[in-house]
Amino acid sequence: MSQIIRPSILNNNPRQQYRWHIFPTTSALELTAVQSILDAAQLAISERKAFHIVLAGGTTPRHVYELLRNKITDWSAWHVYFGDERCLPANDAERNSQMAAHAWLNHVPVPPENIHIIPAELGATAASHAYAHLLNTVGMFDMVLLGLGEDGHTASLFPGQDLGISPDSPAALAVHDAPKPPPERVSLSAWRLSQTNQLIFLVTGASKQQPIKAWKNGSEIPAAAIKPINGVDIFLEDGLL
């Protein structure tokens, strides 16, 4: 079970619309996330014969991905993208693509050509241009998964940096001075992450209490810059809100 606090609209301002979903345990949050992903996939495949999903990196979604590898779905219809990537060698264990591969994608029959890895080994500038070119051929995503950092960042969109919120922003941004190592990264822009039918933030851990408080109080943290037309759903553990 989760508790949902409905969003409010302030003076018709195009602010982010969000829904809090509060879970008693991490396990309950993860199981609901898995079911939400599968439900979105089923709907998209039934309507359009394809499911386009953007994956979050970091440690929070790892177990969600592990749970997905045992589920039944039409994996051949899945198209997988990444919200951000670290500029490290292609097989480096610290890359988000490697984490997703080991936890999930290596264990299911998603066609390799449907797994769209950011070529971050090329460096932030070249990789962002290449990924933006790819994304310009893709329409709306069906689902985007994101996490939340202790400073309010999401993907590799950090406080004080260009978030790419304008509709004329590139789909992917080169990040050269990330405050967390490695400093060179590639991130989908806030505008491109917002081009989705459904967006879920997965938030666990006591260290996330401060950014959640700031978010709730209306602070313009990077996570608040993601504004899909259908709003965002924030899955978090009890005690963080």
C-alpha atoms as a PDB file:
ATOM      1  CA  MET A   1       0.000   0.000   0.000  1.00  0.00           C
ATOM      2  CA  SER A   2       1.127   3.551  -0.659  1.00  0.00           C
ATOM      3  CA  GLN A   3      -0.143   6.929   0.382  1.00  0.00           C
ATOM      4  CA  ILE A   4      -0.627   9.465  -2.396  1.00  0.00           C
ATOM      5  CA  ILE A   5      -0.651  13.211  -1.821  1.00  0.00           C
ATOM      6  CA  ARG A   6      -2.189  14.917  -4.823  1.00  0.00           C
ATOM      7  CA  PRO A   7      -0.402  17.908  -6.371  1.00  0.00           C
ATOM      8  CA  SER A   8      -1.715  21.458  -6.506  1.00  0.00           C
ATOM      9  CA  ILE A   9      -1.522  23.985  -9.329  1.00  0.00           C
ATOM     10  CA  LEU A  10      -0.187  27.406  -8.379  1.00  0.00           C
ATOM     11  CA  ASN A  11      -1.657  30.266 -10.456  1.00  0.00           C
ATOM     12  CA  ASN A  12      -1.624  28.083 -13.570  1.00  0.00           C
ATOM     13  CA  ASN A  13       2.157  28.392 -13.535  1.00  0.00           C
ATOM     14  CA  PRO A  14       3.812  25.586 -15.530  1.00  0.00           C
ATOM     15  CA  ARG A  15       5.382  24.170 -12.405  1.00  0.00           C
ATOM     16  CA  GLN A  16       6.168  20.518 -11.992  1.00  0.00           C
ATOM     17  CA  GLN A  17       3.133  18.478 -11.051  1.00  0.00           C
ATOM     18  CA  TYR A  18       3.959  15.554  -8.785  1.00  0.00           C
ATOM     19  CA  ARG A  19       2.416  12.785  -6.748  1.00  0.00           C
ATOM     20  CA  TRP A  20       4.065  11.361  -3.612  1.00  0.00           C
ATOM     21  CA  HIS A  21       3.763   7.584  -3.178  1.00  0.00           C
ATOM     22  CA  ILE A  22       4.927   6.546   0.291  1.00  0.00           C
ATOM     23  CA  PHE A  23       5.842   2.905   0.949  1.00  0.00           C
ATOM     24  CA  PRO A  24       6.419   1.201   4.318  1.00  0.00           C
ATOM     25  CA  THR A  25       9.499  -0.696   3.095  1.00  0.00           C
ATOM     26  CA  THR A  26      12.061  -0.610   0.299  1.00  0.00           C
ATOM     27  CA  SER A  27      10.786  -4.001  -0.842  1.00  0.00           C
ATOM     28  CA  ALA A  28       7.231  -2.689  -1.238  1.00  0.00           C
ATOM     29  CA  LEU A  29       8.525   0.264  -3.239  1.00  0.00           C
ATOM     30  CA  GLU A  30      10.582  -1.984  -5.528  1.00  0.00           C
ATOM     31  CA  LEU A  31       7.751  -4.435  -6.163  1.00  0.00           C
ATOM     32  CA  THR A  32       5.390  -1.612  -7.082  1.00  0.00           C
ATOM     33  CA  ALA A  33       8.014  -0.107  -9.369  1.00  0.00           C
ATOM     34  CA  VAL A  34       8.446  -3.437 -11.155  1.00  0.00           C
ATOM     35  CA  GLN A  35       4.709  -3.810 -11.641  1.00  0.00           C
ATOM     36  CA  SER A  36       4.403  -0.218 -12.866  1.00  0.00           C
ATOM     37  CA  ILE A  37       7.106  -0.847 -15.471  1.00  0.00           C
ATOM     38  CA  LEU A  38       5.474  -4.066 -16.649  1.00  0.00           C
ATOM     39  CA  ASP A  39       2.052  -2.425 -16.841  1.00  0.00           C
ATOM     40  CA  ALA A  40       3.467   0.446 -18.898  1.00  0.00           C
ATOM     41  CA  ALA A  41       5.196  -2.025 -21.193  1.00  0.00           C
ATOM     42  CA  GLN A  42       2.039  -4.047 -21.722  1.00  0.00           C
ATOM     43  CA  LEU A  43       0.035  -0.931 -22.572  1.00  0.00           C
ATOM     44  CA  ALA A  44       2.634   0.487 -24.969  1.00  0.00           C
ATOM     45  CA  ILE A  45       3.176  -2.829 -26.741  1.00  0.00           C
ATOM     46  CA  SER A  46      -0.550  -3.410 -27.138  1.00  0.00           C
ATOM     47  CA  GLU A  47      -1.056   0.080 -28.573  1.00  0.00           C
ATOM     48  CA  ARG A  48       2.156   0.694 -30.553  1.00  0.00           C
ATOM     49  CA  LYS A  49       4.030  -2.637 -30.700  1.00  0.00           C
ATOM     50  CA  ALA A  50       6.998  -1.086 -28.860  1.00  0.00           C
ATOM     51  CA  PHE A  51       7.977   0.068 -25.393  1.00  0.00           C
ATOM     52  CA  HIS A  52      10.554   2.854 -25.000  1.00  0.00           C
ATOM     53  CA  ILE A  53      12.032   3.168 -21.497  1.00  0.00           C
ATOM     54  CA  VAL A  54      14.827   5.348 -20.078  1.00  0.00           C
ATOM     55  CA  LEU A  55      16.770   3.788 -17.206  1.00  0.00           C
ATOM     56  CA  ALA A  56      18.087   5.419 -14.056  1.00  0.00           C
ATOM     57  CA  GLY A  57      21.623   4.699 -12.941  1.00  0.00           C
ATOM     58  CA  GLY A  58      23.196   4.498  -9.513  1.00  0.00           C
ATOM     59  CA  THR A  59      22.477   1.928  -6.839  1.00  0.00           C
ATOM     60  CA  THR A  60      18.801   2.579  -6.037  1.00  0.00           C
ATOM     61  CA  PRO A  61      17.257   0.846  -9.087  1.00  0.00           C
ATOM     62  CA  ARG A  62      19.597  -2.161  -9.119  1.00  0.00           C
ATOM     63  CA  HIS A  63      17.243  -4.535  -7.301  1.00  0.00           C
ATOM     64  CA  VAL A  64      14.304  -3.380  -9.428  1.00  0.00           C
ATOM     65  CA  TYR A  65      16.311  -4.423 -12.469  1.00  0.00           C
ATOM     66  CA  GLU A  66      17.209  -7.748 -10.890  1.00  0.00           C
ATOM     67  CA  LEU A  67      13.526  -8.442 -10.243  1.00  0.00           C
ATOM     68  CA  LEU A  68      12.612  -7.610 -13.836  1.00  0.00           C
ATOM     69  CA  ARG A  69      14.830 -10.292 -15.331  1.00  0.00           C
ATOM     70  CA  ASN A  70      12.491 -13.018 -14.044  1.00  0.00           C
ATOM     71  CA  LYS A  71       9.318 -11.476 -15.464  1.00  0.00           C
ATOM     72  CA  ILE A  72       7.406 -12.454 -18.574  1.00  0.00           C
ATOM     73  CA  THR A  73       6.907  -9.794 -21.231  1.00  0.00           C
ATOM     74  CA  ASP A  74       7.536  -9.351 -24.951  1.00  0.00           C
ATOM     75  CA  TRP A  75      11.183  -8.416 -24.543  1.00  0.00           C
ATOM     76  CA  SER A  76      11.610  -8.140 -28.317  1.00  0.00           C
ATOM     77  CA  ALA A  77       9.446  -4.992 -28.251  1.00  0.00           C
ATOM     78  CA  TRP A  78      11.506  -3.193 -25.608  1.00  0.00           C
ATOM     79  CA  HIS A  79      13.777  -0.270 -26.510  1.00  0.00           C
ATOM     80  CA  VAL A  80      16.120   0.750 -23.702  1.00  0.00           C
ATOM     81  CA  TYR A  81      17.815   4.127 -23.256  1.00  0.00           C
ATOM     82  CA  PHE A  82      19.866   5.643 -20.440  1.00  0.00           C
ATOM     83  CA  GLY A  83      19.230   8.881 -18.583  1.00  0.00           C
ATOM     84  CA  ASP A  84      22.935   9.537 -18.073  1.00  0.00           C
ATOM     85  CA  GLU A  85      26.335   7.932 -18.238  1.00  0.00           C
ATOM     86  CA  ARG A  86      29.814   8.376 -16.792  1.00  0.00           C
ATOM     87  CA  CYS A  87      32.660   8.966 -19.220  1.00  0.00           C
ATOM     88  CA  LEU A  88      34.593   5.799 -18.478  1.00  0.00           C
ATOM     89  CA  PRO A  89      35.745   2.864 -20.629  1.00  0.00           C
ATOM     90  CA  ALA A  90      32.875   0.943 -22.184  1.00  0.00           C
ATOM     91  CA  ASN A  91      33.330  -2.098 -19.927  1.00  0.00           C
ATOM     92  CA  ASP A  92      33.966  -0.182 -16.699  1.00  0.00           C
ATOM     93  CA  ALA A  93      31.867  -1.561 -13.846  1.00  0.00           C
ATOM     94  CA  GLU A  94      31.006   1.984 -12.707  1.00  0.00           C
ATOM     95  CA  ARG A  95      29.074   2.725 -15.868  1.00  0.00           C
ATOM     96  CA  ASN A  96      25.284   2.737 -15.643  1.00  0.00           C
ATOM     97  CA  SER A  97      25.036   0.584 -18.757  1.00  0.00           C
ATOM     98  CA  GLN A  98      27.227  -2.076 -17.153  1.00  0.00           C
ATOM     99  CA  MET A  99      25.158  -2.092 -13.966  1.00  0.00           C
ATOM    100  CA  ALA A 100      21.925  -2.521 -15.943  1.00  0.00           C
ATOM    101  CA  ALA A 101      23.500  -5.224 -18.101  1.00  0.00           C
ATOM    102  CA  HIS A 102      24.735  -7.322 -15.198  1.00  0.00           C
ATOM    103  CA  ALA A 103      21.607  -6.856 -13.086  1.00  0.00           C
ATOM    104  CA  TRP A 104      19.077  -7.374 -15.865  1.00  0.00           C
ATOM    105  CA  LEU A 105      19.683  -6.861 -19.565  1.00  0.00           C
ATOM    106  CA  ASN A 106      22.191  -9.675 -20.015  1.00  0.00           C
ATOM    107  CA  HIS A 107      19.545 -12.079 -18.708  1.00  0.00           C
ATOM    108  CA  VAL A 108      16.600 -11.247 -20.999  1.00  0.00           C
ATOM    109  CA  PRO A 109      16.173 -11.438 -24.788  1.00  0.00           C
ATOM    110  CA  VAL A 110      15.978  -7.729 -25.561  1.00  0.00           C
ATOM    111  CA  PRO A 111      17.518  -7.464 -29.046  1.00  0.00           C
ATOM    112  CA  PRO A 112      21.009  -5.931 -28.724  1.00  0.00           C
ATOM    113  CA  GLU A 113      20.132  -3.298 -31.320  1.00  0.00           C
ATOM    114  CA  ASN A 114      17.289  -2.144 -29.041  1.00  0.00           C
ATOM    115  CA  ILE A 115      19.650  -1.339 -26.164  1.00  0.00           C
ATOM    116  CA  HIS A 116      20.841   2.186 -26.871  1.00  0.00           C
ATOM    117  CA  ILE A 117      23.983   2.754 -24.812  1.00  0.00           C
ATOM    118  CA  ILE A 118      25.472   6.240 -24.493  1.00  0.00           C
ATOM    119  CA  PRO A 119      28.966   6.044 -26.093  1.00  0.00           C
ATOM    120  CA  ALA A 120      30.479   7.902 -23.137  1.00  0.00           C
ATOM    121  CA  GLU A 121      33.915   6.387 -23.741  1.00  0.00           C
ATOM    122  CA  LEU A 122      34.195   8.946 -26.580  1.00  0.00           C
ATOM    123  CA  GLY A 123      34.197  11.808 -24.065  1.00  0.00           C
ATOM    124  CA  ALA A 124      31.340  14.041 -22.964  1.00  0.00           C
ATOM    125  CA  THR A 125      31.148  16.298 -26.010  1.00  0.00           C
ATOM    126  CA  ALA A 126      31.305  13.645 -28.734  1.00  0.00           C
ATOM    127  CA  ALA A 127      29.067  11.238 -26.825  1.00  0.00           C
ATOM    128  CA  SER A 128      26.393  13.853 -26.117  1.00  0.00           C
ATOM    129  CA  HIS A 129      26.273  14.828 -29.788  1.00  0.00           C
ATOM    130  CA  ALA A 130      25.965  11.197 -30.859  1.00  0.00           C
ATOM    131  CA  TYR A 131      23.231  10.409 -28.350  1.00  0.00           C
ATOM    132  CA  ALA A 132      21.306  13.585 -29.130  1.00  0.00           C
ATOM    133  CA  HIS A 133      21.382  12.595 -32.813  1.00  0.00           C
ATOM    134  CA  LEU A 134      19.930   9.200 -31.894  1.00  0.00           C
ATOM    135  CA  LEU A 135      17.253  10.662 -29.640  1.00  0.00           C
ATOM    136  CA  ASN A 136      16.171  13.101 -32.332  1.00  0.00           C
ATOM    137  CA  THR A 137      14.853  10.060 -34.221  1.00  0.00           C
ATOM    138  CA  VAL A 138      12.819   8.893 -31.209  1.00  0.00           C
ATOM    139  CA  GLY A 139       9.432  10.284 -30.240  1.00  0.00           C
ATOM    140  CA  MET A 140       7.927  10.361 -26.774  1.00  0.00           C
ATOM    141  CA  PHE A 141       9.291   7.850 -24.309  1.00  0.00           C
ATOM    142  CA  ASP A 142       6.765   5.560 -22.668  1.00  0.00           C
ATOM    143  CA  MET A 143       8.506   5.620 -19.290  1.00  0.00           C
ATOM    144  CA  VAL A 144      11.462   7.351 -17.656  1.00  0.00           C
ATOM    145  CA  LEU A 145      13.019   6.139 -14.400  1.00  0.00           C
ATOM    146  CA  LEU A 146      15.069   8.578 -12.347  1.00  0.00           C
ATOM    147  CA  GLY A 147      16.799   8.704  -8.981  1.00  0.00           C
ATOM    148  CA  LEU A 148      17.510  11.553  -6.600  1.00  0.00           C
ATOM    149  CA  GLY A 149      20.880  12.619  -5.238  1.00  0.00           C
ATOM    150  CA  GLU A 150      21.602  14.077  -1.825  1.00  0.00           C
ATOM    151  CA  ASP A 151      22.036  17.493  -3.452  1.00  0.00           C
ATOM    152  CA  GLY A 152      18.792  17.215  -5.427  1.00  0.00           C
ATOM    153  CA  HIS A 153      20.424  16.183  -8.686  1.00  0.00           C
ATOM    154  CA  THR A 154      18.884  13.662 -11.013  1.00  0.00           C
ATOM    155  CA  ALA A 155      20.503  11.832 -13.933  1.00  0.00           C
ATOM    156  CA  SER A 156      23.669  13.970 -14.251  1.00  0.00           C
ATOM    157  CA  LEU A 157      21.825  17.275 -13.900  1.00  0.00           C
ATOM    158  CA  PHE A 158      23.513  18.994 -10.964  1.00  0.00           C
ATOM    159  CA  PRO A 159      22.681  22.187  -9.046  1.00  0.00           C
ATOM    160  CA  GLY A 160      24.127  25.323 -10.579  1.00  0.00           C
ATOM    161  CA  GLN A 161      24.674  23.767 -13.992  1.00  0.00           C
ATOM    162  CA  ASP A 162      22.804  23.930 -17.279  1.00  0.00           C
ATOM    163  CA  LEU A 163      19.794  21.630 -16.914  1.00  0.00           C
ATOM    164  CA  GLY A 164      18.616  21.957 -20.488  1.00  0.00           C
ATOM    165  CA  ILE A 165      15.098  23.085 -19.634  1.00  0.00           C
ATOM    166  CA  SER A 166      14.340  24.980 -22.853  1.00  0.00           C
ATOM    167  CA  PRO A 167      12.538  23.224 -25.736  1.00  0.00           C
ATOM    168  CA  ASP A 168      15.492  24.168 -27.945  1.00  0.00           C
ATOM    169  CA  SER A 169      17.977  22.502 -25.593  1.00  0.00           C
ATOM    170  CA  PRO A 170      19.821  19.518 -27.035  1.00  0.00           C
ATOM    171  CA  ALA A 171      18.420  16.122 -26.115  1.00  0.00           C
ATOM    172  CA  ALA A 172      21.713  15.178 -24.446  1.00  0.00           C
ATOM    173  CA  LEU A 173      24.117  17.441 -22.579  1.00  0.00           C
ATOM    174  CA  ALA A 174      27.865  17.232 -22.128  1.00  0.00           C
ATOM    175  CA  VAL A 175      28.785  17.548 -18.436  1.00  0.00           C
ATOM    176  CA  HIS A 176      32.421  18.529 -17.857  1.00  0.00           C
ATOM    177  CA  ASP A 177      32.517  19.494 -14.189  1.00  0.00           C
ATOM    178  CA  ALA A 178      30.211  17.188 -12.256  1.00  0.00           C
ATOM    179  CA  PRO A 179      30.707  17.591  -8.477  1.00  0.00           C
ATOM    180  CA  LYS A 180      30.807  13.786  -8.143  1.00  0.00           C
ATOM    181  CA  PRO A 181      33.443  11.631  -9.846  1.00  0.00           C
ATOM    182  CA  PRO A 182      33.957  11.230 -12.667  1.00  0.00           C
ATOM    183  CA  PRO A 183      33.613  14.892 -13.639  1.00  0.00           C
ATOM    184  CA  GLU A 184      32.909  14.086 -17.304  1.00  0.00           C
ATOM    185  CA  ARG A 185      29.436  12.715 -17.975  1.00  0.00           C
ATOM    186  CA  VAL A 186      26.580  12.756 -20.437  1.00  0.00           C
ATOM    187  CA  SER A 187      22.998  13.446 -19.359  1.00  0.00           C
ATOM    188  CA  LEU A 188      19.679  13.701 -21.075  1.00  0.00           C
ATOM    189  CA  SER A 189      18.451  17.265 -20.728  1.00  0.00           C
ATOM    190  CA  ALA A 190      15.541  18.141 -18.453  1.00  0.00           C
ATOM    191  CA  TRP A 191      13.498  18.985 -21.517  1.00  0.00           C
ATOM    192  CA  ARG A 192      14.137  15.596 -23.177  1.00  0.00           C
ATOM    193  CA  LEU A 193      13.500  13.662 -19.963  1.00  0.00           C
ATOM    194  CA  SER A 194      10.155  15.440 -19.792  1.00  0.00           C
ATOM    195  CA  GLN A 195       9.098  14.007 -23.157  1.00  0.00           C
ATOM    196  CA  THR A 196       7.518  10.893 -21.670  1.00  0.00           C
ATOM    197  CA  ASN A 197       4.113   9.469 -20.940  1.00  0.00           C
ATOM    198  CA  GLN A 198       5.116   8.356 -17.442  1.00  0.00           C
ATOM    199  CA  LEU A 199       7.984   9.284 -15.140  1.00  0.00           C
ATOM    200  CA  ILE A 200       8.868   7.647 -11.828  1.00  0.00           C
ATOM    201  CA  PHE A 201      11.468   8.789  -9.317  1.00  0.00           C
ATOM    202  CA  LEU A 202      12.788   5.983  -7.101  1.00  0.00           C
ATOM    203  CA  VAL A 203      13.980   7.414  -3.776  1.00  0.00           C
ATOM    204  CA  THR A 204      15.378   5.384  -0.884  1.00  0.00           C
ATOM    205  CA  GLY A 205      17.794   5.987   1.981  1.00  0.00           C
ATOM    206  CA  ALA A 206      17.853   8.385   4.913  1.00  0.00           C
ATOM    207  CA  SER A 207      20.328  10.662   3.114  1.00  0.00           C
ATOM    208  CA  LYS A 208      17.537  11.697   0.719  1.00  0.00           C
ATOM    209  CA  GLN A 209      15.457  13.352   3.436  1.00  0.00           C
ATOM    210  CA  GLN A 210      16.983  16.802   2.900  1.00  0.00           C
ATOM    211  CA  PRO A 211      16.415  16.998  -0.880  1.00  0.00           C
ATOM    212  CA  ILE A 212      12.889  15.626  -0.423  1.00  0.00           C
ATOM    213  CA  LYS A 213      12.195  18.399   2.082  1.00  0.00           C
ATOM    214  CA  ALA A 214      13.573  20.994  -0.313  1.00  0.00           C
ATOM    215  CA  TRP A 215      11.494  19.556  -3.158  1.00  0.00           C
ATOM    216  CA  LYS A 216       8.327  19.589  -1.066  1.00  0.00           C
ATOM    217  CA  ASN A 217       8.990  23.190  -0.037  1.00  0.00           C
ATOM    218  CA  GLY A 218       9.235  24.340  -3.636  1.00  0.00           C
ATOM    219  CA  SER A 219      12.995  24.705  -4.007  1.00  0.00           C
ATOM    220  CA  GLU A 220      14.168  24.613  -7.613  1.00  0.00           C
ATOM    221  CA  ILE A 221      16.339  21.539  -7.258  1.00  0.00           C
ATOM    222  CA  PRO A 222      17.285  19.833 -10.545  1.00  0.00           C
ATOM    223  CA  ALA A 223      14.728  17.066 -10.001  1.00  0.00           C
ATOM    224  CA  ALA A 224      11.973  19.708 -10.033  1.00  0.00           C
ATOM    225  CA  ALA A 225      12.977  20.773 -13.557  1.00  0.00           C
ATOM    226  CA  ILE A 226      11.569  17.558 -15.066  1.00  0.00           C
ATOM    227  CA  LYS A 227       8.025  18.452 -16.116  1.00  0.00           C
ATOM    228  CA  PRO A 228       6.248  15.840 -18.230  1.00  0.00           C
ATOM    229  CA  ILE A 229       2.706  16.672 -19.252  1.00  0.00           C
ATOM    230  CA  ASN A 230       1.289  13.889 -17.065  1.00  0.00           C
ATOM    231  CA  GLY A 231       3.305  14.907 -14.008  1.00  0.00           C
ATOM    232  CA  VAL A 232       5.754  12.743 -12.098  1.00  0.00           C
ATOM    233  CA  ASP A 233       5.300   9.974  -9.569  1.00  0.00           C
ATOM    234  CA  ILE A 234       7.743   9.951  -6.677  1.00  0.00           C
ATOM    235  CA  PHE A 235       8.136   6.563  -4.989  1.00  0.00           C
ATOM    236  CA  LEU A 236       9.771   6.936  -1.595  1.00  0.00           C
ATOM    237  CA  GLU A 237      10.183   5.134   1.680  1.00  0.00           C
ATOM    238  CA  ASP A 238       8.125   6.080   4.710  1.00  0.00           C
ATOM    239  CA  GLY A 239       9.850   8.689   6.832  1.00  0.00           C
ATOM    240  CA  LEU A 240      11.455  10.653   3.994  1.00  0.00           C
ATOM    241  CA  LEU A 241       8.597  13.069   3.408  1.00  0.00           C
END
